[in-house]
Amino acid sequence: MDHAPSLLARLSGDAWFGALPKAIRQLMVGQADLLRLQPGEMLFRQGDPPTGLYALAGGTLKMSSLREDGREAILAVLEAGIWFGEISLIDGQPRTHDATALGPVQVLLLPRPAFESLMQQAVFARAIAALLAGRIRLLYGIVEDGALRSTQARVARRLLLLARGDGVGAAHVHGRVPVSQEGLAMMLGMSRQTLSKQLQRMANDGLVELGYGRIDVVSESGLKRLAGAS
């Protein structure tokens, strides 16, 4: 791949990928295909067979599924740096959701045969296990939020998660949350009206700034205080 050195350097900023031995990182990027998606184009659909492991090299992807009534349920919004798609490769089952580009997107696809070959190396297999463990911890946290935390705390915690990449787990928030209020309400399983009241209260307190189709985090520390509330 012509762009392998620059992509290797860019993706190595991710904590998970950066912790792999350099030889494995070079092999992964070197054997991967670079895909380019246009806004609204789908990387894969729910029910598709797994073709490989993905790395989001640029842009933003929406993970979602359609409900029986035709409404979309947004599960996550992924930003550049994250590797994903390992679950279907491990259990051999179809993709569980749709992956759609929210803008121009660059994705690396490590083909399934290359992934299976790497899984024969203990260091890579342990890394995949750690990646899965991180996903499970994140999901447990979301389930706990829904069962035990107030609406205010749930909104604050999801805003912080989204502002850190919703899976990338950056150390600091980067300001703009990459979903609309409608999308956030879907992710939290609450009405738009309920969410709007919470966001307006946060805006009045100087924690967020609201605009057309956007939510900007203004005070990370303030949201953390709300996120810790019961």
C-alpha atoms as a PDB file:
ATOM      1  CA  MET A   1       0.000   0.000   0.000  1.00  0.00           C
ATOM      2  CA  ASP A   2       1.455   3.353  -1.089  1.00  0.00           C
ATOM      3  CA  HIS A   3       0.203   5.212   1.974  1.00  0.00           C
ATOM      4  CA  ALA A   4       1.196   2.527   4.497  1.00  0.00           C
ATOM      5  CA  PRO A   5       3.863   4.567   6.366  1.00  0.00           C
ATOM      6  CA  SER A   6       1.606   7.584   6.923  1.00  0.00           C
ATOM      7  CA  LEU A   7      -1.373   5.409   7.856  1.00  0.00           C
ATOM      8  CA  LEU A   8       0.767   3.394  10.259  1.00  0.00           C
ATOM      9  CA  ALA A   9       1.896   6.561  12.014  1.00  0.00           C
ATOM     10  CA  ARG A  10      -1.642   7.970  12.145  1.00  0.00           C
ATOM     11  CA  LEU A  11      -3.278   4.792  13.483  1.00  0.00           C
ATOM     12  CA  SER A  12      -0.521   4.130  16.014  1.00  0.00           C
ATOM     13  CA  GLY A  13      -1.895   7.024  18.051  1.00  0.00           C
ATOM     14  CA  ASP A  14      -4.678   4.671  19.126  1.00  0.00           C
ATOM     15  CA  ALA A  15      -3.764   3.092  22.468  1.00  0.00           C
ATOM     16  CA  TRP A  16      -4.814  -0.413  21.437  1.00  0.00           C
ATOM     17  CA  PHE A  17      -3.102  -0.463  18.055  1.00  0.00           C
ATOM     18  CA  GLY A  18      -0.067   1.438  19.311  1.00  0.00           C
ATOM     19  CA  ALA A  19       0.569  -1.202  21.981  1.00  0.00           C
ATOM     20  CA  LEU A  20       1.001  -3.956  19.378  1.00  0.00           C
ATOM     21  CA  PRO A  21       4.554  -4.863  18.305  1.00  0.00           C
ATOM     22  CA  LYS A  22       5.652  -2.713  15.385  1.00  0.00           C
ATOM     23  CA  ALA A  23       6.103  -5.736  13.136  1.00  0.00           C
ATOM     24  CA  ILE A  24       2.461  -6.717  13.606  1.00  0.00           C
ATOM     25  CA  ARG A  25       1.270  -3.148  13.049  1.00  0.00           C
ATOM     26  CA  GLN A  26       3.264  -2.958   9.838  1.00  0.00           C
ATOM     27  CA  LEU A  27       1.862  -6.300   8.699  1.00  0.00           C
ATOM     28  CA  MET A  28      -1.719  -5.247   9.419  1.00  0.00           C
ATOM     29  CA  VAL A  29      -1.479  -1.975   7.529  1.00  0.00           C
ATOM     30  CA  GLY A  30       0.584  -3.512   4.734  1.00  0.00           C
ATOM     31  CA  GLN A  31      -1.961  -6.257   4.065  1.00  0.00           C
ATOM     32  CA  ALA A  32      -5.005  -4.001   4.370  1.00  0.00           C
ATOM     33  CA  ASP A  33      -6.996  -2.457   1.540  1.00  0.00           C
ATOM     34  CA  LEU A  34      -7.864   1.244   1.692  1.00  0.00           C
ATOM     35  CA  LEU A  35     -11.562   1.923   1.090  1.00  0.00           C
ATOM     36  CA  ARG A  36     -13.087   5.355   0.492  1.00  0.00           C
ATOM     37  CA  LEU A  37     -16.727   6.057   1.246  1.00  0.00           C
ATOM     38  CA  GLN A  38     -18.879   9.007   0.283  1.00  0.00           C
ATOM     39  CA  PRO A  39     -21.363  10.591   2.719  1.00  0.00           C
ATOM     40  CA  GLY A  40     -24.295   8.225   3.230  1.00  0.00           C
ATOM     41  CA  GLU A  41     -22.482   5.243   1.710  1.00  0.00           C
ATOM     42  CA  MET A  42     -22.597   2.023   3.724  1.00  0.00           C
ATOM     43  CA  LEU A  43     -19.502   0.070   4.711  1.00  0.00           C
ATOM     44  CA  PHE A  44     -21.624  -2.957   5.558  1.00  0.00           C
ATOM     45  CA  ARG A  45     -25.230  -3.804   6.354  1.00  0.00           C
ATOM     46  CA  GLN A  46     -26.829  -5.766   9.155  1.00  0.00           C
ATOM     47  CA  GLY A  47     -26.752  -9.433   8.158  1.00  0.00           C
ATOM     48  CA  ASP A  48     -23.685  -9.154   5.900  1.00  0.00           C
ATOM     49  CA  PRO A  49     -21.020 -11.843   6.336  1.00  0.00           C
ATOM     50  CA  PRO A  50     -17.763 -10.698   7.978  1.00  0.00           C
ATOM     51  CA  THR A  51     -15.062  -9.931   5.423  1.00  0.00           C
ATOM     52  CA  GLY A  52     -12.359  -8.594   7.696  1.00  0.00           C
ATOM     53  CA  LEU A  53     -11.207  -6.289  10.481  1.00  0.00           C
ATOM     54  CA  TYR A  54     -11.623  -2.555   9.944  1.00  0.00           C
ATOM     55  CA  ALA A  55      -9.707   0.533  11.000  1.00  0.00           C
ATOM     56  CA  LEU A  56     -11.295   3.948  10.636  1.00  0.00           C
ATOM     57  CA  ALA A  57      -8.467   6.006   9.140  1.00  0.00           C
ATOM     58  CA  GLY A  58     -10.437   9.191   8.523  1.00  0.00           C
ATOM     59  CA  GLY A  59     -13.950  10.555   8.946  1.00  0.00           C
ATOM     60  CA  THR A  60     -16.894   9.366  11.024  1.00  0.00           C
ATOM     61  CA  LEU A  61     -19.053   6.247  10.876  1.00  0.00           C
ATOM     62  CA  LYS A  62     -22.519   5.734  12.296  1.00  0.00           C
ATOM     63  CA  MET A  63     -23.390   2.310  13.684  1.00  0.00           C
ATOM     64  CA  SER A  64     -27.145   1.787  13.629  1.00  0.00           C
ATOM     65  CA  SER A  65     -30.008  -0.609  13.027  1.00  0.00           C
ATOM     66  CA  LEU A  66     -33.574  -0.201  11.779  1.00  0.00           C
ATOM     67  CA  ARG A  67     -36.448  -0.959  14.096  1.00  0.00           C
ATOM     68  CA  GLU A  68     -39.509  -2.849  12.935  1.00  0.00           C
ATOM     69  CA  ASP A  69     -41.403   0.438  12.574  1.00  0.00           C
ATOM     70  CA  GLY A  70     -38.715   1.728  10.204  1.00  0.00           C
ATOM     71  CA  ARG A  71     -37.118   4.115  12.688  1.00  0.00           C
ATOM     72  CA  GLU A  72     -33.365   4.107  13.043  1.00  0.00           C
ATOM     73  CA  ALA A  73     -31.661   3.269  16.332  1.00  0.00           C
ATOM     74  CA  ILE A  74     -28.168   4.791  16.504  1.00  0.00           C
ATOM     75  CA  LEU A  75     -25.888   2.560  18.558  1.00  0.00           C
ATOM     76  CA  ALA A  76     -22.578   4.403  18.314  1.00  0.00           C
ATOM     77  CA  VAL A  77     -20.664   7.005  16.340  1.00  0.00           C
ATOM     78  CA  LEU A  78     -17.057   6.050  15.606  1.00  0.00           C
ATOM     79  CA  GLU A  79     -14.242   8.459  14.845  1.00  0.00           C
ATOM     80  CA  ALA A  80     -10.832   8.051  13.252  1.00  0.00           C
ATOM     81  CA  GLY A  81      -8.364   5.784  15.042  1.00  0.00           C
ATOM     82  CA  ILE A  82     -10.618   2.940  16.129  1.00  0.00           C
ATOM     83  CA  TRP A  83     -10.380  -0.689  14.998  1.00  0.00           C
ATOM     84  CA  PHE A  84     -13.676  -2.560  14.829  1.00  0.00           C
ATOM     85  CA  GLY A  85     -15.523  -5.528  13.359  1.00  0.00           C
ATOM     86  CA  GLU A  86     -13.743  -8.206  15.358  1.00  0.00           C
ATOM     87  CA  ILE A  87     -16.851  -9.774  16.916  1.00  0.00           C
ATOM     88  CA  SER A  88     -18.262 -11.242  13.703  1.00  0.00           C
ATOM     89  CA  LEU A  89     -14.821 -12.486  12.733  1.00  0.00           C
ATOM     90  CA  ILE A  90     -14.522 -14.403  15.980  1.00  0.00           C
ATOM     91  CA  ASP A  91     -17.949 -16.029  16.103  1.00  0.00           C
ATOM     92  CA  GLY A  92     -18.488 -16.231  12.345  1.00  0.00           C
ATOM     93  CA  GLN A  93     -21.937 -14.669  12.630  1.00  0.00           C
ATOM     94  CA  PRO A  94     -23.318 -11.923  10.354  1.00  0.00           C
ATOM     95  CA  ARG A  95     -22.824  -8.229  11.088  1.00  0.00           C
ATOM     96  CA  THR A  96     -25.183  -7.060  13.810  1.00  0.00           C
ATOM     97  CA  HIS A  97     -25.779  -3.514  12.521  1.00  0.00           C
ATOM     98  CA  ASP A  98     -25.311  -1.077   9.649  1.00  0.00           C
ATOM     99  CA  ALA A  99     -22.186   1.035   9.283  1.00  0.00           C
ATOM    100  CA  THR A 100     -22.781   4.284   7.367  1.00  0.00           C
ATOM    101  CA  ALA A 101     -20.427   7.131   6.488  1.00  0.00           C
ATOM    102  CA  LEU A 102     -21.447  10.483   7.981  1.00  0.00           C
ATOM    103  CA  GLY A 103     -19.077  12.295   5.660  1.00  0.00           C
ATOM    104  CA  PRO A 104     -16.086  11.394   3.468  1.00  0.00           C
ATOM    105  CA  VAL A 105     -14.542   8.334   5.120  1.00  0.00           C
ATOM    106  CA  GLN A 106     -11.339   6.335   4.751  1.00  0.00           C
ATOM    107  CA  VAL A 107     -11.344   2.775   6.083  1.00  0.00           C
ATOM    108  CA  LEU A 108      -8.686   0.095   6.144  1.00  0.00           C
ATOM    109  CA  LEU A 109      -9.922  -3.449   5.597  1.00  0.00           C
ATOM    110  CA  LEU A 110      -7.688  -6.237   6.875  1.00  0.00           C
ATOM    111  CA  PRO A 111      -9.043  -9.275   4.997  1.00  0.00           C
ATOM    112  CA  ARG A 112     -10.384 -12.202   6.973  1.00  0.00           C
ATOM    113  CA  PRO A 113      -7.591 -14.633   5.933  1.00  0.00           C
ATOM    114  CA  ALA A 114      -4.954 -12.152   7.151  1.00  0.00           C
ATOM    115  CA  PHE A 115      -6.843 -11.710  10.432  1.00  0.00           C
ATOM    116  CA  GLU A 116      -7.105 -15.464  10.971  1.00  0.00           C
ATOM    117  CA  SER A 117      -3.398 -15.862  10.266  1.00  0.00           C
ATOM    118  CA  LEU A 118      -2.541 -13.167  12.824  1.00  0.00           C
ATOM    119  CA  MET A 119      -4.782 -14.874  15.385  1.00  0.00           C
ATOM    120  CA  GLN A 120      -2.257 -17.734  15.395  1.00  0.00           C
ATOM    121  CA  GLN A 121       0.171 -15.345  17.101  1.00  0.00           C
ATOM    122  CA  ALA A 122      -0.388 -15.230  20.855  1.00  0.00           C
ATOM    123  CA  VAL A 123       0.403 -11.532  21.190  1.00  0.00           C
ATOM    124  CA  PHE A 124      -2.233 -10.596  18.608  1.00  0.00           C
ATOM    125  CA  ALA A 125      -4.841 -13.000  20.000  1.00  0.00           C
ATOM    126  CA  ARG A 126      -4.335 -11.517  23.486  1.00  0.00           C
ATOM    127  CA  ALA A 127      -4.703  -8.024  22.030  1.00  0.00           C
ATOM    128  CA  ILE A 128      -8.010  -8.972  20.384  1.00  0.00           C
ATOM    129  CA  ALA A 129      -9.192 -10.415  23.705  1.00  0.00           C
ATOM    130  CA  ALA A 130      -8.295  -7.110  25.382  1.00  0.00           C
ATOM    131  CA  LEU A 131     -10.176  -5.192  22.675  1.00  0.00           C
ATOM    132  CA  LEU A 132     -13.265  -7.305  23.297  1.00  0.00           C
ATOM    133  CA  ALA A 133     -12.937  -6.839  27.055  1.00  0.00           C
ATOM    134  CA  GLY A 134     -12.933  -3.085  26.530  1.00  0.00           C
ATOM    135  CA  ARG A 135     -16.108  -3.313  24.447  1.00  0.00           C
ATOM    136  CA  ILE A 136     -17.816  -5.387  27.160  1.00  0.00           C
ATOM    137  CA  ARG A 137     -16.845  -2.913  29.887  1.00  0.00           C
ATOM    138  CA  LEU A 138     -18.275  -0.096  27.798  1.00  0.00           C
ATOM    139  CA  LEU A 139     -21.537  -1.961  27.244  1.00  0.00           C
ATOM    140  CA  TYR A 140     -21.855  -2.821  30.937  1.00  0.00           C
ATOM    141  CA  GLY A 141     -21.391   0.851  31.736  1.00  0.00           C
ATOM    142  CA  ILE A 142     -24.182   1.836  29.353  1.00  0.00           C
ATOM    143  CA  VAL A 143     -26.522  -0.808  30.820  1.00  0.00           C
ATOM    144  CA  GLU A 144     -25.688   0.395  34.340  1.00  0.00           C
ATOM    145  CA  ASP A 145     -26.387   3.993  33.330  1.00  0.00           C
ATOM    146  CA  GLY A 146     -29.842   3.062  32.092  1.00  0.00           C
ATOM    147  CA  ALA A 147     -30.700   1.081  35.204  1.00  0.00           C
ATOM    148  CA  LEU A 148     -29.196   3.154  38.004  1.00  0.00           C
ATOM    149  CA  ARG A 149     -28.494   6.724  36.971  1.00  0.00           C
ATOM    150  CA  SER A 150     -30.691   9.766  36.655  1.00  0.00           C
ATOM    151  CA  THR A 151     -31.636  11.136  33.250  1.00  0.00           C
ATOM    152  CA  GLN A 152     -29.293  14.089  33.825  1.00  0.00           C
ATOM    153  CA  ALA A 153     -26.347  11.822  34.639  1.00  0.00           C
ATOM    154  CA  ARG A 154     -27.071   9.566  31.652  1.00  0.00           C
ATOM    155  CA  VAL A 155     -27.048  12.517  29.251  1.00  0.00           C
ATOM    156  CA  ALA A 156     -23.826  13.912  30.730  1.00  0.00           C
ATOM    157  CA  ARG A 157     -22.040  10.560  30.589  1.00  0.00           C
ATOM    158  CA  ARG A 158     -23.021   9.908  26.979  1.00  0.00           C
ATOM    159  CA  LEU A 159     -21.958  13.413  25.944  1.00  0.00           C
ATOM    160  CA  LEU A 160     -18.525  12.807  27.478  1.00  0.00           C
ATOM    161  CA  LEU A 161     -18.287   9.414  25.787  1.00  0.00           C
ATOM    162  CA  LEU A 162     -19.217  10.817  22.386  1.00  0.00           C
ATOM    163  CA  ALA A 163     -16.848  13.753  22.772  1.00  0.00           C
ATOM    164  CA  ARG A 164     -14.026  11.266  23.333  1.00  0.00           C
ATOM    165  CA  GLY A 165     -14.837   9.310  20.201  1.00  0.00           C
ATOM    166  CA  ASP A 166     -17.401   6.765  21.499  1.00  0.00           C
ATOM    167  CA  GLY A 167     -14.919   3.902  21.432  1.00  0.00           C
ATOM    168  CA  VAL A 168     -11.660   5.637  20.632  1.00  0.00           C
ATOM    169  CA  GLY A 169     -11.494   6.710  24.270  1.00  0.00           C
ATOM    170  CA  ALA A 170      -9.360   9.815  23.852  1.00  0.00           C
ATOM    171  CA  ALA A 171      -7.945  11.255  27.070  1.00  0.00           C
ATOM    172  CA  HIS A 172      -9.691  14.608  26.583  1.00  0.00           C
ATOM    173  CA  VAL A 173     -12.896  15.738  24.939  1.00  0.00           C
ATOM    174  CA  HIS A 174     -12.575  17.496  21.597  1.00  0.00           C
ATOM    175  CA  GLY A 175     -15.506  19.849  21.915  1.00  0.00           C
ATOM    176  CA  ARG A 176     -18.108  19.019  19.305  1.00  0.00           C
ATOM    177  CA  VAL A 177     -20.324  15.983  19.793  1.00  0.00           C
ATOM    178  CA  PRO A 178     -20.678  14.221  16.413  1.00  0.00           C
ATOM    179  CA  VAL A 179     -24.440  13.605  16.622  1.00  0.00           C
ATOM    180  CA  SER A 180     -27.558  15.739  16.472  1.00  0.00           C
ATOM    181  CA  GLN A 181     -29.985  16.072  19.362  1.00  0.00           C
ATOM    182  CA  GLU A 182     -32.326  13.652  17.609  1.00  0.00           C
ATOM    183  CA  GLY A 183     -29.521  11.127  17.197  1.00  0.00           C
ATOM    184  CA  LEU A 184     -28.499  11.494  20.836  1.00  0.00           C
ATOM    185  CA  ALA A 185     -32.080  10.950  21.982  1.00  0.00           C
ATOM    186  CA  MET A 186     -32.187   7.723  19.950  1.00  0.00           C
ATOM    187  CA  MET A 187     -28.931   6.520  21.488  1.00  0.00           C
ATOM    188  CA  LEU A 188     -30.219   7.190  24.997  1.00  0.00           C
ATOM    189  CA  GLY A 189     -33.669   5.720  24.375  1.00  0.00           C
ATOM    190  CA  MET A 190     -35.496   8.854  25.489  1.00  0.00           C
ATOM    191  CA  SER A 191     -37.822  11.324  23.832  1.00  0.00           C
ATOM    192  CA  ARG A 192     -36.469  14.370  22.048  1.00  0.00           C
ATOM    193  CA  GLN A 193     -38.435  16.569  24.467  1.00  0.00           C
ATOM    194  CA  THR A 194     -36.866  14.962  27.553  1.00  0.00           C
ATOM    195  CA  LEU A 195     -33.377  15.308  26.098  1.00  0.00           C
ATOM    196  CA  SER A 196     -34.020  18.905  25.038  1.00  0.00           C
ATOM    197  CA  LYS A 197     -34.931  19.877  28.600  1.00  0.00           C
ATOM    198  CA  GLN A 198     -31.730  18.345  29.959  1.00  0.00           C
ATOM    199  CA  LEU A 199     -29.540  19.956  27.301  1.00  0.00           C
ATOM    200  CA  GLN A 200     -31.135  23.362  27.793  1.00  0.00           C
ATOM    201  CA  ARG A 201     -30.482  23.132  31.521  1.00  0.00           C
ATOM    202  CA  MET A 202     -26.836  22.257  30.801  1.00  0.00           C
ATOM    203  CA  ALA A 203     -26.605  25.136  28.337  1.00  0.00           C
ATOM    204  CA  ASN A 204     -28.001  27.557  30.929  1.00  0.00           C
ATOM    205  CA  ASP A 205     -25.331  26.361  33.356  1.00  0.00           C
ATOM    206  CA  GLY A 206     -22.601  26.941  30.775  1.00  0.00           C
ATOM    207  CA  LEU A 207     -21.730  23.254  30.329  1.00  0.00           C
ATOM    208  CA  VAL A 208     -22.700  22.899  26.670  1.00  0.00           C
ATOM    209  CA  GLU A 209     -23.479  25.161  23.745  1.00  0.00           C
ATOM    210  CA  LEU A 210     -26.328  24.279  21.430  1.00  0.00           C
ATOM    211  CA  GLY A 211     -26.690  25.151  17.764  1.00  0.00           C
ATOM    212  CA  TYR A 212     -28.457  23.904  14.673  1.00  0.00           C
ATOM    213  CA  GLY A 213     -27.636  20.193  14.412  1.00  0.00           C
ATOM    214  CA  ARG A 214     -24.765  20.421  16.882  1.00  0.00           C
ATOM    215  CA  ILE A 215     -23.848  20.128  20.545  1.00  0.00           C
ATOM    216  CA  ASP A 216     -20.551  21.560  21.804  1.00  0.00           C
ATOM    217  CA  VAL A 217     -19.034  20.591  25.141  1.00  0.00           C
ATOM    218  CA  VAL A 218     -17.943  23.750  26.950  1.00  0.00           C
ATOM    219  CA  SER A 219     -17.140  22.439  30.434  1.00  0.00           C
ATOM    220  CA  GLU A 220     -15.748  18.918  30.679  1.00  0.00           C
ATOM    221  CA  SER A 221     -15.382  19.231  34.457  1.00  0.00           C
ATOM    222  CA  GLY A 222     -18.996  20.365  34.818  1.00  0.00           C
ATOM    223  CA  LEU A 223     -20.272  17.413  32.817  1.00  0.00           C
ATOM    224  CA  LYS A 224     -18.121  15.076  34.886  1.00  0.00           C
ATOM    225  CA  ARG A 225     -19.794  16.371  38.045  1.00  0.00           C
ATOM    226  CA  LEU A 226     -23.225  15.669  36.563  1.00  0.00           C
ATOM    227  CA  ALA A 227     -22.076  12.297  35.255  1.00  0.00           C
ATOM    228  CA  GLY A 228     -21.115  11.239  38.749  1.00  0.00           C
ATOM    229  CA  ALA A 229     -24.548  12.060  40.156  1.00  0.00           C
ATOM    230  CA  SER A 230     -26.901   9.233  40.991  1.00  0.00           C
END
